[in-house]
Amino acid sequence: MPPPVFDDALRGYAFAVLKRDNFRCRYCGLDGSTSFANWLCLSWDHLLPKGHPHRDDPEYIVAACSFCNWADNRYFDLVTKRGLKLDGLSQLELVQQRLPYVERTRSAYREFWERNVARDHADDDGVA
């Protein structure tokens, strides 16, 4: 009997990319292999915008947790304004180029969480 075919990201279409990246978010390092809850947070991130001829090439898709995936959701709209480029860059260079924008958004959310949500600021989720 052939194995089941899944049409969702975690078990199906993104699984090869997630496995290649060791089930670890390429932006924040969340490790999906350490807990079921972490694994459920994993997704994949296209490093190139819709319409780009290489957008769906697995080389230009990386593992990302849900937050990092959408953290800078205007990234592609602002590439030119920010003086960035997409063509001619490797997967690693594209991740490194986007990382500061993801980290900035993460930091702003962290500050909000600390002021408005956290019950005990001594408890840390371990992810900056």
Protein backbone atom coordinates (compact mmCIF):
# COMPACT_ATOMS: atom_id res chain seq x y z
CA MET A 1 0.00 0.00 0.00
CA PRO A 2 1.51 3.41 -0.95
CA PRO A 3 1.96 5.98 1.82
CA PRO A 4 -0.79 8.57 2.16
CA VAL A 5 -0.43 11.80 0.23
CA PHE A 6 -1.03 14.95 2.25
CA ASP A 7 -2.01 18.32 0.81
CA ASP A 8 -1.07 20.45 3.81
CA ALA A 9 2.27 22.15 4.54
CA LEU A 10 3.52 20.22 7.57
CA ARG A 11 2.96 16.74 6.17
CA GLY A 12 2.69 17.49 2.47
CA TYR A 13 3.95 20.12 0.08
CA ALA A 14 6.37 21.91 2.47
CA PHE A 15 7.67 18.83 4.25
CA ALA A 16 10.78 18.41 2.07
CA VAL A 17 11.82 22.04 2.67
CA LEU A 18 11.14 21.79 6.41
CA LYS A 19 13.14 18.56 6.60
CA ARG A 20 16.01 20.06 4.56
CA ASP A 21 16.14 22.95 7.06
CA ASN A 22 16.09 20.50 10.01
CA PHE A 23 12.59 21.64 11.07
CA ARG A 24 14.12 24.91 12.25
CA CYS A 25 12.93 28.45 11.45
CA ARG A 26 15.64 30.11 9.38
CA TYR A 27 14.94 33.47 11.03
CA CYS A 28 14.47 32.90 14.78
CA GLY A 29 15.70 29.31 15.11
CA LEU A 30 12.47 27.84 16.53
CA ASP A 31 13.09 24.08 16.49
CA GLY A 32 10.06 22.09 15.37
CA SER A 33 11.67 18.82 16.35
CA THR A 34 11.74 19.61 20.08
CA SER A 35 8.00 19.76 20.67
CA PHE A 36 4.72 19.12 18.94
CA ALA A 37 3.66 22.73 19.67
CA ASN A 38 6.78 24.06 17.92
CA TRP A 39 6.25 21.77 14.94
CA LEU A 40 2.69 23.08 14.59
CA CYS A 41 4.11 26.61 14.32
CA LEU A 42 6.26 25.79 11.31
CA SER A 43 5.52 26.98 7.82
CA TRP A 44 7.58 27.86 4.81
CA ASP A 45 8.59 31.24 3.47
CA HIS A 46 9.01 32.21 -0.16
CA LEU A 47 12.12 34.35 -0.56
CA LEU A 48 10.91 35.79 -3.85
CA PRO A 49 7.65 37.62 -4.61
CA LYS A 50 4.62 36.35 -6.50
CA GLY A 51 5.25 36.43 -10.21
CA HIS A 52 9.01 35.90 -9.93
CA PRO A 53 10.06 33.01 -12.20
CA HIS A 54 11.97 31.23 -9.40
CA ARG A 55 9.45 31.83 -6.58
CA ASP A 56 8.36 28.19 -6.34
CA ASP A 57 11.86 26.72 -6.70
CA PRO A 58 12.57 24.96 -3.37
CA GLU A 59 15.99 26.66 -3.36
CA TYR A 60 14.14 29.94 -2.78
CA ILE A 61 11.80 28.66 -0.07
CA VAL A 62 12.88 28.18 3.55
CA ALA A 63 11.46 26.86 6.80
CA ALA A 64 9.92 29.60 8.92
CA CYS A 65 7.73 29.73 11.97
CA SER A 66 4.35 31.33 11.39
CA PHE A 67 5.35 34.59 13.06
CA CYS A 68 8.58 35.07 11.11
CA ASN A 69 6.78 34.18 7.90
CA TRP A 70 4.38 37.11 8.20
CA ALA A 71 6.43 39.42 10.46
CA ASP A 72 7.29 41.83 7.66
CA ASN A 73 4.36 41.17 5.37
CA ARG A 74 5.10 44.25 3.26
CA TYR A 75 8.69 43.16 2.62
CA PHE A 76 8.30 42.58 -1.12
CA ASP A 77 6.32 45.82 -1.57
CA LEU A 78 9.14 47.78 0.08
CA VAL A 79 12.22 46.12 -1.47
CA THR A 80 12.89 48.96 -3.91
CA LYS A 81 12.15 51.72 -1.37
CA ARG A 82 14.55 50.07 1.08
CA GLY A 83 17.26 49.89 -1.59
CA LEU A 84 17.30 46.09 -1.57
CA LYS A 85 17.50 43.63 -4.45
CA LEU A 86 16.28 40.07 -4.86
CA ASP A 87 17.78 38.83 -8.10
CA GLY A 88 21.23 37.27 -8.09
CA LEU A 89 21.23 36.53 -4.35
CA SER A 90 21.62 33.09 -2.82
CA GLN A 91 19.13 31.58 -0.40
CA LEU A 92 21.38 32.52 2.53
CA GLU A 93 21.82 36.09 1.28
CA LEU A 94 18.06 36.50 0.84
CA VAL A 95 17.42 35.24 4.39
CA GLN A 96 20.13 37.50 5.83
CA GLN A 97 18.75 40.48 3.92
CA ARG A 98 15.23 39.97 5.31
CA LEU A 99 16.31 39.04 8.84
CA PRO A 100 16.70 42.61 10.23
CA TYR A 101 13.12 43.45 9.23
CA VAL A 102 11.79 40.26 10.84
CA GLU A 103 13.82 40.94 14.00
CA ARG A 104 12.57 44.54 14.18
CA THR A 105 8.96 43.37 14.02
CA ARG A 106 9.65 40.61 16.56
CA SER A 107 11.20 43.16 18.93
CA ALA A 108 8.19 45.47 18.65
CA TYR A 109 5.84 42.56 19.40
CA ARG A 110 8.03 41.57 22.34
CA GLU A 111 7.77 45.06 23.83
CA PHE A 112 4.00 45.01 23.39
CA TRP A 113 3.77 41.57 25.00
CA GLU A 114 5.88 42.67 27.98
CA ARG A 115 3.72 45.77 28.56
CA ASN A 116 0.29 44.32 27.87
CA VAL A 117 0.26 40.54 28.12
CA ALA A 118 3.00 39.06 30.31
CA ARG A 119 1.95 38.22 33.83
CA ASP A 120 5.44 37.64 35.15
CA HIS A 121 8.25 39.39 33.33
CA ALA A 122 10.74 37.00 34.94
CA ASP A 123 9.29 34.18 32.83
CA ASP A 124 10.89 34.25 29.43
CA ASP A 125 9.91 32.22 26.42
CA GLY A 126 13.61 31.82 25.59
CA VAL A 127 13.29 33.42 22.17
CA ALA A 128 14.43 37.01 21.74
